[in-house]
Structures are given as C-alpha cells and as structure tokens.
N, C-alpha and C. Protein backbone atom coordinates (compact mmCIF):
# COMPACT_ATOMS: atom_id res chain seq x y z
N MET A 1 -34.78 -23.48 119.07
CA MET A 1 -34.48 -22.74 120.28
C MET A 1 -35.53 -21.65 120.46
N ALA A 2 -35.94 -21.45 121.69
CA ALA A 2 -36.95 -20.43 122.01
C ALA A 2 -36.38 -19.03 121.76
N GLU A 3 -37.28 -18.07 121.62
CA GLU A 3 -36.87 -16.69 121.42
C GLU A 3 -36.02 -16.23 122.60
N ARG A 4 -34.98 -15.44 122.28
CA ARG A 4 -34.09 -14.92 123.32
C ARG A 4 -33.91 -13.43 123.18
N GLU A 5 -33.78 -12.81 124.32
CA GLU A 5 -33.41 -11.39 124.40
C GLU A 5 -31.90 -11.38 124.54
N VAL A 6 -31.20 -10.63 123.69
CA VAL A 6 -29.74 -10.60 123.75
C VAL A 6 -29.29 -9.23 124.26
N LEU A 7 -28.59 -9.25 125.39
CA LEU A 7 -28.03 -8.04 125.97
C LEU A 7 -26.53 -8.06 125.70
N THR A 8 -26.06 -7.14 124.87
CA THR A 8 -24.64 -7.04 124.59
C THR A 8 -23.97 -6.21 125.68
N TRP A 9 -22.64 -6.23 125.72
CA TRP A 9 -21.93 -5.39 126.68
C TRP A 9 -22.24 -3.92 126.45
N GLU A 10 -22.29 -3.50 125.19
CA GLU A 10 -22.59 -2.09 124.89
C GLU A 10 -23.99 -1.71 125.38
N LEU A 11 -24.97 -2.55 125.08
CA LEU A 11 -26.33 -2.27 125.51
C LEU A 11 -26.44 -2.34 127.04
N TYR A 12 -25.64 -3.23 127.66
CA TYR A 12 -25.63 -3.30 129.12
C TYR A 12 -25.20 -1.97 129.72
N GLY A 13 -24.21 -1.32 129.11
CA GLY A 13 -23.76 -0.01 129.59
C GLY A 13 -24.91 0.99 129.60
N THR A 14 -25.69 0.99 128.54
CA THR A 14 -26.86 1.87 128.46
C THR A 14 -27.89 1.47 129.51
N ALA A 15 -28.15 0.18 129.62
CA ALA A 15 -29.16 -0.32 130.57
C ALA A 15 -28.81 0.05 132.00
N SER A 16 -27.56 -0.14 132.40
CA SER A 16 -27.18 0.12 133.79
C SER A 16 -27.26 1.62 134.11
N ARG A 17 -26.86 2.47 133.17
CA ARG A 17 -26.95 3.91 133.41
C ARG A 17 -28.41 4.37 133.48
N GLU A 18 -29.24 3.85 132.59
CA GLU A 18 -30.66 4.23 132.60
C GLU A 18 -31.35 3.72 133.86
N LEU A 19 -30.99 2.52 134.30
CA LEU A 19 -31.56 1.97 135.53
C LEU A 19 -31.14 2.82 136.74
N ALA A 20 -29.87 3.21 136.78
CA ALA A 20 -29.39 4.07 137.86
C ALA A 20 -30.12 5.42 137.84
N GLN A 21 -30.37 5.93 136.66
CA GLN A 21 -31.08 7.21 136.55
C GLN A 21 -32.51 7.09 137.07
N MET A 22 -33.15 5.93 136.82
CA MET A 22 -34.49 5.70 137.36
C MET A 22 -34.48 5.77 138.88
N VAL A 23 -33.48 5.11 139.49
CA VAL A 23 -33.37 5.12 140.94
C VAL A 23 -33.15 6.55 141.43
N ALA A 24 -32.22 7.25 140.81
CA ALA A 24 -31.92 8.63 141.22
C ALA A 24 -33.14 9.54 141.05
N ASP A 25 -33.83 9.40 139.93
CA ASP A 25 -35.01 10.24 139.67
C ASP A 25 -36.13 10.00 140.67
N SER A 26 -36.16 8.80 141.26
CA SER A 26 -37.20 8.48 142.24
C SER A 26 -36.95 9.17 143.58
N GLY A 27 -35.73 9.64 143.78
CA GLY A 27 -35.36 10.25 145.05
C GLY A 27 -34.80 9.27 146.06
N PHE A 28 -34.81 7.98 145.74
CA PHE A 28 -34.26 6.98 146.65
C PHE A 28 -32.74 7.05 146.64
N GLU A 29 -32.13 7.15 147.82
CA GLU A 29 -30.68 7.22 147.95
C GLU A 29 -30.20 6.06 148.82
N PRO A 30 -29.83 4.95 148.18
CA PRO A 30 -29.42 3.80 148.98
C PRO A 30 -28.12 4.06 149.74
N THR A 31 -28.08 3.55 150.97
CA THR A 31 -26.83 3.59 151.73
C THR A 31 -26.07 2.28 151.54
N ILE A 32 -26.77 1.26 151.06
CA ILE A 32 -26.16 -0.03 150.72
C ILE A 32 -26.78 -0.52 149.41
N VAL A 33 -25.92 -1.00 148.51
CA VAL A 33 -26.38 -1.73 147.33
C VAL A 33 -26.06 -3.19 147.61
N LEU A 34 -27.08 -4.04 147.51
CA LEU A 34 -26.96 -5.47 147.82
C LEU A 34 -27.16 -6.27 146.54
N GLY A 35 -26.07 -6.84 146.03
CA GLY A 35 -26.13 -7.63 144.80
C GLY A 35 -26.38 -9.09 145.08
N ILE A 36 -27.27 -9.69 144.31
CA ILE A 36 -27.57 -11.12 144.46
C ILE A 36 -26.68 -11.89 143.49
N ALA A 37 -25.80 -12.73 144.07
CA ALA A 37 -24.86 -13.50 143.26
C ALA A 37 -25.57 -14.71 142.65
N ARG A 38 -25.24 -15.00 141.40
CA ARG A 38 -24.16 -14.43 140.65
C ARG A 38 -24.62 -13.35 139.70
N GLY A 39 -25.77 -13.51 139.10
CA GLY A 39 -26.22 -12.61 138.04
C GLY A 39 -26.35 -11.15 138.43
N GLY A 40 -26.59 -10.88 139.70
CA GLY A 40 -26.78 -9.50 140.13
C GLY A 40 -25.51 -8.77 140.51
N LEU A 41 -24.36 -9.47 140.49
CA LEU A 41 -23.12 -8.83 140.93
C LEU A 41 -22.66 -7.72 140.00
N ILE A 42 -22.65 -7.96 138.72
CA ILE A 42 -22.19 -6.94 137.78
C ILE A 42 -23.16 -5.75 137.77
N PRO A 43 -24.47 -5.97 137.68
CA PRO A 43 -25.38 -4.83 137.78
C PRO A 43 -25.27 -4.08 139.11
N ALA A 44 -25.07 -4.79 140.22
CA ALA A 44 -24.96 -4.13 141.52
C ALA A 44 -23.74 -3.22 141.56
N GLY A 45 -22.62 -3.69 141.06
CA GLY A 45 -21.41 -2.87 141.02
C GLY A 45 -21.60 -1.64 140.16
N SER A 46 -22.23 -1.82 139.02
CA SER A 46 -22.48 -0.69 138.11
C SER A 46 -23.40 0.33 138.76
N LEU A 47 -24.46 -0.13 139.42
CA LEU A 47 -25.39 0.80 140.06
C LEU A 47 -24.73 1.49 141.25
N ALA A 48 -23.91 0.76 142.00
CA ALA A 48 -23.23 1.37 143.14
C ALA A 48 -22.33 2.52 142.67
N TYR A 49 -21.60 2.31 141.58
CA TYR A 49 -20.77 3.39 141.03
C TYR A 49 -21.63 4.55 140.55
N ALA A 50 -22.65 4.26 139.78
CA ALA A 50 -23.49 5.32 139.19
C ALA A 50 -24.24 6.11 140.26
N LEU A 51 -24.59 5.45 141.37
CA LEU A 51 -25.33 6.12 142.45
C LEU A 51 -24.40 6.63 143.54
N ASP A 52 -23.09 6.53 143.32
CA ASP A 52 -22.08 6.99 144.26
C ASP A 52 -22.30 6.40 145.66
N CYS A 53 -22.53 5.09 145.70
CA CYS A 53 -22.74 4.37 146.95
C CYS A 53 -21.57 3.41 147.15
N LYS A 54 -20.79 3.66 148.19
CA LYS A 54 -19.57 2.86 148.42
C LYS A 54 -19.85 1.54 149.14
N ASN A 55 -21.00 1.40 149.78
CA ASN A 55 -21.31 0.18 150.52
C ASN A 55 -21.98 -0.82 149.59
N LEU A 56 -21.20 -1.79 149.14
CA LEU A 56 -21.67 -2.81 148.22
C LEU A 56 -21.56 -4.17 148.90
N PHE A 57 -22.71 -4.79 149.16
CA PHE A 57 -22.76 -6.10 149.82
C PHE A 57 -23.23 -7.13 148.81
N THR A 58 -23.01 -8.41 149.12
CA THR A 58 -23.49 -9.49 148.26
C THR A 58 -24.16 -10.58 149.08
N MET A 59 -25.07 -11.27 148.42
CA MET A 59 -25.69 -12.48 148.96
C MET A 59 -25.70 -13.50 147.84
N SER A 60 -25.33 -14.72 148.16
CA SER A 60 -25.37 -15.79 147.17
C SER A 60 -26.66 -16.58 147.33
N VAL A 61 -27.38 -16.69 146.24
CA VAL A 61 -28.63 -17.45 146.23
C VAL A 61 -28.62 -18.35 145.01
N GLU A 62 -28.88 -19.63 145.21
CA GLU A 62 -28.96 -20.58 144.11
C GLU A 62 -30.42 -20.88 143.82
N PHE A 63 -30.77 -20.81 142.53
CA PHE A 63 -32.13 -21.14 142.13
C PHE A 63 -32.12 -21.85 140.78
N TYR A 64 -31.48 -21.22 139.77
CA TYR A 64 -31.46 -21.81 138.44
C TYR A 64 -30.40 -22.90 138.33
N THR A 65 -30.76 -23.98 137.66
CA THR A 65 -29.82 -25.08 137.44
C THR A 65 -29.53 -25.26 135.96
N GLY A 66 -30.17 -24.48 135.10
CA GLY A 66 -29.99 -24.54 133.65
C GLY A 66 -30.99 -23.62 133.00
N VAL A 67 -31.07 -23.69 131.68
CA VAL A 67 -32.01 -22.85 130.95
C VAL A 67 -33.43 -23.22 131.35
N ASP A 68 -34.10 -22.30 132.03
CA ASP A 68 -35.48 -22.46 132.47
C ASP A 68 -35.69 -23.69 133.36
N THR A 69 -34.64 -24.15 134.03
CA THR A 69 -34.78 -25.21 135.03
C THR A 69 -34.25 -24.68 136.35
N ARG A 70 -34.96 -25.03 137.43
CA ARG A 70 -34.60 -24.44 138.72
C ARG A 70 -34.94 -25.40 139.85
N LEU A 71 -34.40 -25.06 141.02
CA LEU A 71 -34.76 -25.77 142.24
C LEU A 71 -36.22 -25.44 142.58
N ASP A 72 -36.80 -26.17 143.53
CA ASP A 72 -38.17 -25.88 143.95
C ASP A 72 -38.28 -24.49 144.59
N VAL A 73 -37.28 -24.14 145.38
CA VAL A 73 -37.24 -22.82 146.03
C VAL A 73 -35.80 -22.32 146.00
N PRO A 74 -35.60 -21.00 145.99
CA PRO A 74 -34.23 -20.49 146.05
C PRO A 74 -33.61 -20.78 147.41
N VAL A 75 -32.29 -20.98 147.41
CA VAL A 75 -31.57 -21.35 148.62
C VAL A 75 -30.40 -20.39 148.82
N MET A 76 -30.29 -19.79 150.02
CA MET A 76 -29.14 -18.94 150.35
C MET A 76 -27.92 -19.82 150.56
N LEU A 77 -26.78 -19.34 150.05
CA LEU A 77 -25.53 -20.07 150.18
C LEU A 77 -24.54 -19.27 151.02
N PRO A 78 -23.63 -19.96 151.72
CA PRO A 78 -22.63 -19.24 152.50
C PRO A 78 -21.60 -18.57 151.57
N PRO A 79 -20.91 -17.56 152.08
CA PRO A 79 -21.00 -16.99 153.42
C PRO A 79 -22.27 -16.16 153.56
N PHE A 80 -22.90 -16.22 154.73
CA PHE A 80 -24.16 -15.55 154.96
C PHE A 80 -23.94 -14.11 155.41
N LEU A 81 -24.78 -13.23 154.93
CA LEU A 81 -24.74 -11.83 155.31
C LEU A 81 -25.28 -11.68 156.73
N ASP A 82 -24.62 -10.88 157.53
CA ASP A 82 -25.07 -10.61 158.89
C ASP A 82 -26.13 -9.51 158.84
N ARG A 83 -27.33 -9.84 159.26
CA ARG A 83 -28.42 -8.86 159.21
C ARG A 83 -28.10 -7.60 160.01
N ALA A 84 -27.28 -7.72 161.04
CA ALA A 84 -26.92 -6.56 161.85
C ALA A 84 -26.24 -5.48 160.99
N ASP A 85 -25.55 -5.89 159.93
CA ASP A 85 -24.89 -4.93 159.05
C ASP A 85 -25.89 -4.10 158.24
N LEU A 86 -27.13 -4.54 158.20
CA LEU A 86 -28.16 -3.85 157.42
C LEU A 86 -29.04 -2.94 158.27
N THR A 87 -28.89 -3.01 159.58
CA THR A 87 -29.79 -2.31 160.49
C THR A 87 -29.87 -0.81 160.18
N GLY A 88 -31.08 -0.35 159.93
CA GLY A 88 -31.35 1.05 159.68
C GLY A 88 -30.94 1.56 158.32
N ALA A 89 -30.47 0.69 157.44
CA ALA A 89 -29.97 1.11 156.13
C ALA A 89 -31.10 1.27 155.11
N ASP A 90 -30.82 2.04 154.09
CA ASP A 90 -31.67 2.14 152.90
C ASP A 90 -30.99 1.27 151.84
N VAL A 91 -31.58 0.12 151.56
CA VAL A 91 -30.93 -0.90 150.74
C VAL A 91 -31.57 -1.01 149.35
N LEU A 92 -30.71 -1.03 148.35
CA LEU A 92 -31.15 -1.31 146.98
C LEU A 92 -30.70 -2.73 146.67
N ILE A 93 -31.67 -3.64 146.54
CA ILE A 93 -31.40 -5.05 146.23
C ILE A 93 -31.39 -5.19 144.71
N VAL A 94 -30.28 -5.73 144.18
CA VAL A 94 -30.09 -5.75 142.73
C VAL A 94 -29.89 -7.18 142.23
N ASP A 95 -30.59 -7.50 141.15
CA ASP A 95 -30.38 -8.76 140.45
C ASP A 95 -30.45 -8.48 138.95
N ASP A 96 -30.05 -9.47 138.16
CA ASP A 96 -30.09 -9.26 136.72
C ASP A 96 -31.51 -9.35 136.17
N VAL A 97 -32.31 -10.28 136.72
CA VAL A 97 -33.66 -10.49 136.20
C VAL A 97 -34.60 -10.93 137.32
N ALA A 98 -35.83 -10.45 137.23
CA ALA A 98 -36.91 -10.97 138.08
C ALA A 98 -37.72 -11.89 137.17
N ASP A 99 -37.33 -13.16 137.15
CA ASP A 99 -38.01 -14.13 136.30
C ASP A 99 -39.22 -14.66 137.07
N THR A 100 -39.00 -15.58 137.98
CA THR A 100 -40.10 -15.98 138.85
C THR A 100 -40.30 -14.93 139.95
N GLY A 101 -39.22 -14.21 140.27
CA GLY A 101 -39.25 -13.22 141.34
C GLY A 101 -38.98 -13.81 142.71
N LYS A 102 -38.85 -15.12 142.78
CA LYS A 102 -38.69 -15.77 144.09
C LYS A 102 -37.35 -15.45 144.76
N THR A 103 -36.30 -15.26 143.97
CA THR A 103 -35.01 -14.90 144.55
C THR A 103 -35.09 -13.50 145.16
N LEU A 104 -35.62 -12.55 144.41
CA LEU A 104 -35.78 -11.19 144.93
C LEU A 104 -36.67 -11.19 146.16
N GLU A 105 -37.72 -11.96 146.13
CA GLU A 105 -38.64 -12.04 147.26
C GLU A 105 -37.91 -12.57 148.50
N LEU A 106 -37.11 -13.63 148.34
CA LEU A 106 -36.36 -14.21 149.45
C LEU A 106 -35.41 -13.18 150.08
N VAL A 107 -34.67 -12.47 149.25
CA VAL A 107 -33.70 -11.49 149.77
C VAL A 107 -34.43 -10.30 150.38
N HIS A 108 -35.51 -9.87 149.75
CA HIS A 108 -36.29 -8.75 150.30
C HIS A 108 -36.83 -9.11 151.68
N GLU A 109 -37.36 -10.32 151.84
CA GLU A 109 -37.87 -10.77 153.13
C GLU A 109 -36.75 -10.89 154.16
N PHE A 110 -35.57 -11.32 153.72
CA PHE A 110 -34.41 -11.43 154.61
C PHE A 110 -34.06 -10.06 155.20
N CYS A 111 -34.18 -9.02 154.40
CA CYS A 111 -33.82 -7.66 154.81
C CYS A 111 -34.94 -6.95 155.57
N ALA A 112 -36.17 -7.30 155.32
CA ALA A 112 -37.34 -6.51 155.69
C ALA A 112 -37.37 -5.97 157.11
N ASP A 113 -37.13 -6.77 158.10
CA ASP A 113 -37.26 -6.32 159.49
C ASP A 113 -36.02 -5.63 160.04
N HIS A 114 -35.01 -5.45 159.21
CA HIS A 114 -33.75 -4.89 159.70
C HIS A 114 -33.39 -3.56 159.06
N VAL A 115 -33.89 -3.31 157.88
CA VAL A 115 -33.53 -2.09 157.15
C VAL A 115 -34.58 -1.02 157.34
N ARG A 116 -34.19 0.20 157.08
CA ARG A 116 -35.18 1.29 157.10
C ARG A 116 -36.05 1.19 155.85
N THR A 117 -35.39 1.02 154.70
CA THR A 117 -36.09 0.92 153.43
C THR A 117 -35.39 -0.10 152.55
N ALA A 118 -36.16 -0.91 151.84
CA ALA A 118 -35.59 -1.83 150.85
C ALA A 118 -36.32 -1.64 149.53
N ARG A 119 -35.56 -1.43 148.48
CA ARG A 119 -36.11 -1.32 147.14
C ARG A 119 -35.39 -2.34 146.26
N THR A 120 -36.02 -2.74 145.17
CA THR A 120 -35.44 -3.74 144.28
C THR A 120 -35.24 -3.16 142.89
N ALA A 121 -34.13 -3.58 142.25
CA ALA A 121 -33.83 -3.13 140.90
C ALA A 121 -33.30 -4.31 140.09
N VAL A 122 -33.79 -4.42 138.86
CA VAL A 122 -33.34 -5.46 137.94
C VAL A 122 -33.19 -4.87 136.55
N ILE A 123 -32.39 -5.53 135.75
CA ILE A 123 -32.30 -5.11 134.35
C ILE A 123 -33.58 -5.54 133.63
N TYR A 124 -33.98 -6.79 133.85
CA TYR A 124 -35.18 -7.31 133.19
C TYR A 124 -36.20 -7.81 134.20
N GLU A 125 -37.45 -7.55 133.88
CA GLU A 125 -38.57 -8.07 134.66
C GLU A 125 -39.44 -8.91 133.72
N LYS A 126 -39.86 -10.06 134.21
CA LYS A 126 -40.78 -10.89 133.43
C LYS A 126 -42.19 -10.73 133.99
N PRO A 127 -43.21 -10.84 133.14
CA PRO A 127 -44.57 -10.54 133.58
C PRO A 127 -45.11 -11.47 134.67
N HIS A 128 -44.56 -12.67 134.80
CA HIS A 128 -45.08 -13.63 135.78
C HIS A 128 -44.32 -13.58 137.11
N SER A 129 -43.44 -12.61 137.30
CA SER A 129 -42.68 -12.49 138.55
C SER A 129 -43.63 -12.31 139.73
N VAL A 130 -43.34 -13.01 140.85
CA VAL A 130 -44.19 -12.89 142.05
C VAL A 130 -43.95 -11.59 142.79
N ILE A 131 -42.88 -10.90 142.48
CA ILE A 131 -42.59 -9.61 143.08
C ILE A 131 -42.38 -8.61 141.94
N LYS A 132 -42.98 -7.46 142.07
CA LYS A 132 -42.78 -6.42 141.06
C LYS A 132 -41.62 -5.55 141.53
N PRO A 133 -40.50 -5.58 140.78
CA PRO A 133 -39.36 -4.76 141.20
C PRO A 133 -39.73 -3.28 141.20
N ASP A 134 -39.11 -2.54 142.11
CA ASP A 134 -39.34 -1.10 142.15
C ASP A 134 -38.78 -0.42 140.91
N PHE A 135 -37.68 -0.98 140.39
CA PHE A 135 -37.04 -0.42 139.20
C PHE A 135 -36.68 -1.55 138.24
N ALA A 136 -37.08 -1.42 136.99
CA ALA A 136 -36.73 -2.40 135.95
C ALA A 136 -36.45 -1.63 134.67
N TRP A 137 -35.34 -1.98 134.03
CA TRP A 137 -34.96 -1.31 132.79
C TRP A 137 -35.86 -1.74 131.64
N ARG A 138 -36.15 -3.03 131.55
CA ARG A 138 -36.93 -3.55 130.44
C ARG A 138 -37.75 -4.75 130.88
N ARG A 139 -38.85 -4.98 130.21
CA ARG A 139 -39.69 -6.15 130.47
C ARG A 139 -39.66 -7.07 129.26
N THR A 140 -39.64 -8.37 129.53
CA THR A 140 -39.59 -9.35 128.44
C THR A 140 -40.17 -10.67 128.92
N GLU A 141 -40.60 -11.48 127.98
CA GLU A 141 -41.02 -12.86 128.28
C GLU A 141 -39.96 -13.85 127.83
N ALA A 142 -38.96 -13.37 127.09
CA ALA A 142 -37.94 -14.24 126.50
C ALA A 142 -36.87 -14.62 127.51
N TRP A 143 -36.16 -15.72 127.23
CA TRP A 143 -34.96 -16.06 127.98
C TRP A 143 -33.92 -15.03 127.58
N ILE A 144 -33.08 -14.62 128.52
CA ILE A 144 -32.14 -13.53 128.26
C ILE A 144 -30.71 -14.06 128.19
N ASN A 145 -30.00 -13.66 127.15
CA ASN A 145 -28.57 -13.91 127.05
C ASN A 145 -27.86 -12.69 127.61
N PHE A 146 -27.28 -12.83 128.80
CA PHE A 146 -26.51 -11.75 129.39
C PHE A 146 -25.08 -11.85 128.89
N PRO A 147 -24.40 -10.72 128.73
CA PRO A 147 -23.04 -10.77 128.17
C PRO A 147 -22.06 -11.54 129.04
N TRP A 148 -22.29 -11.60 130.34
CA TRP A 148 -21.37 -12.29 131.24
C TRP A 148 -21.63 -13.79 131.34
N SER A 149 -22.73 -14.25 130.78
CA SER A 149 -23.00 -15.70 130.89
C SER A 149 -23.34 -16.35 129.56
N THR A 150 -23.15 -15.64 128.46
CA THR A 150 -23.47 -16.21 127.15
C THR A 150 -22.41 -17.19 126.68
N LEU A 151 -21.15 -16.81 126.82
CA LEU A 151 -20.07 -17.72 126.42
C LEU A 151 -19.90 -18.82 127.46
N PRO A 152 -19.47 -20.00 127.03
CA PRO A 152 -19.25 -21.08 128.01
C PRO A 152 -18.09 -20.71 128.94
N PRO A 153 -18.07 -21.28 130.14
CA PRO A 153 -16.96 -21.01 131.06
C PRO A 153 -15.63 -21.46 130.46
N VAL A 154 -14.57 -20.80 130.85
CA VAL A 154 -13.23 -21.19 130.44
C VAL A 154 -12.90 -22.55 131.05
N VAL A 155 -13.34 -22.75 132.29
CA VAL A 155 -13.19 -24.02 133.00
C VAL A 155 -14.58 -24.44 133.44
N ARG A 156 -14.99 -25.62 133.05
CA ARG A 156 -16.32 -26.10 133.43
C ARG A 156 -16.21 -26.99 134.65
N ARG A 157 -16.86 -26.54 135.76
CA ARG A 157 -16.83 -27.31 136.99
C ARG A 157 -18.21 -27.85 137.38
N THR A 158 -19.26 -27.19 136.90
CA THR A 158 -20.60 -27.61 137.34
C THR A 158 -21.39 -28.38 136.30
N GLY A 159 -21.05 -28.23 135.06
CA GLY A 159 -21.84 -28.86 134.02
C GLY A 159 -23.10 -28.09 133.69
N VAL A 160 -23.34 -26.97 134.39
CA VAL A 160 -24.52 -26.16 134.17
C VAL A 160 -24.19 -25.08 133.14
N VAL A 161 -24.98 -25.03 132.09
CA VAL A 161 -24.75 -24.06 131.03
C VAL A 161 -25.82 -22.99 131.08
N ASP A 162 -25.43 -21.73 130.95
CA ASP A 162 -26.38 -20.62 130.77
C ASP A 162 -27.30 -20.44 131.95
N ALA A 163 -26.80 -20.55 133.16
CA ALA A 163 -27.66 -20.33 134.33
C ALA A 163 -26.93 -19.50 135.37
C-alpha cells in the first residue's frame, strides 16, 4: 500500500481551528461558506462555526470513484445551487483536499462572475493541484485517510471504497 497521511478526529480538530485562524488572520470575512460535498462538508461546517458565519451552502461534485481513480472531469450533481444566492457575497469555498484541484477550480469558476470575492480553503493541498488554495492547513503528496471516510460504510450502496 502506498504511503498515507492519517488525519485522526483529534488532529482534525486542531487542523480546522488552525485553518480558520489562517482565514481570520488574513482579514477575509466570508458572508457565505460553501462546502463541496462530500469531503468538504465537515470542514465547511467547522470553519463556518469558527468564523461565526451562519450562511453555510453546499454543492455536490463527483470526481473520485476510488483510491486515486477519478472521472475525466468533475461533474456537478443536483440539487444545483442558484447563483443568484451568491450575488455580491464574500464566499469561502471549502473542500477537504486540493488533489488535482479540478473540483475547486470548477466551483470557483461557477462562483466567479456572481460573488464579490471568492477564496478557497482546504485541509490538505497537493503539489500538483491546478489551483493553489488561498488557505491550506498542510501540504502532502500522500493519499489521505480522513476520519470520516476511513472506516467502511455501515451500508454499502455504491461499491466505492475510500473516495
């Protein structure tokens, strides 16, 4: 098995607070935190609480189909976010990792012409990402075991493990 970065729940608590502090220290005050489902939902909720931002939106994007296997391009899934809800907002786009960066890039482009400001935040950034997140807690080249996706599902419906 390839080298893995292991993020425990305890370390996640540290990571999310430190990431929120980076955002706060930058002076950026999001009016909306936008979490990319699924991996970005838990970090988005944590950052929204830490940054005292009550407007928490989500977008579902499918890209990974397994460990280091993915679709050719990321695909937005319904229900779709109404861009009108983003008009004039300062948006913090949150995901768990910027691996290829294509998911963050897709969501950032979706928001670009409608928001006042869009910034990106991830727990992990990989060096080959096509987009450099504005905020990243840690950089790694390893596959990451996140605490919310390390154990197998209680009910398996997709057959996809660790994605």
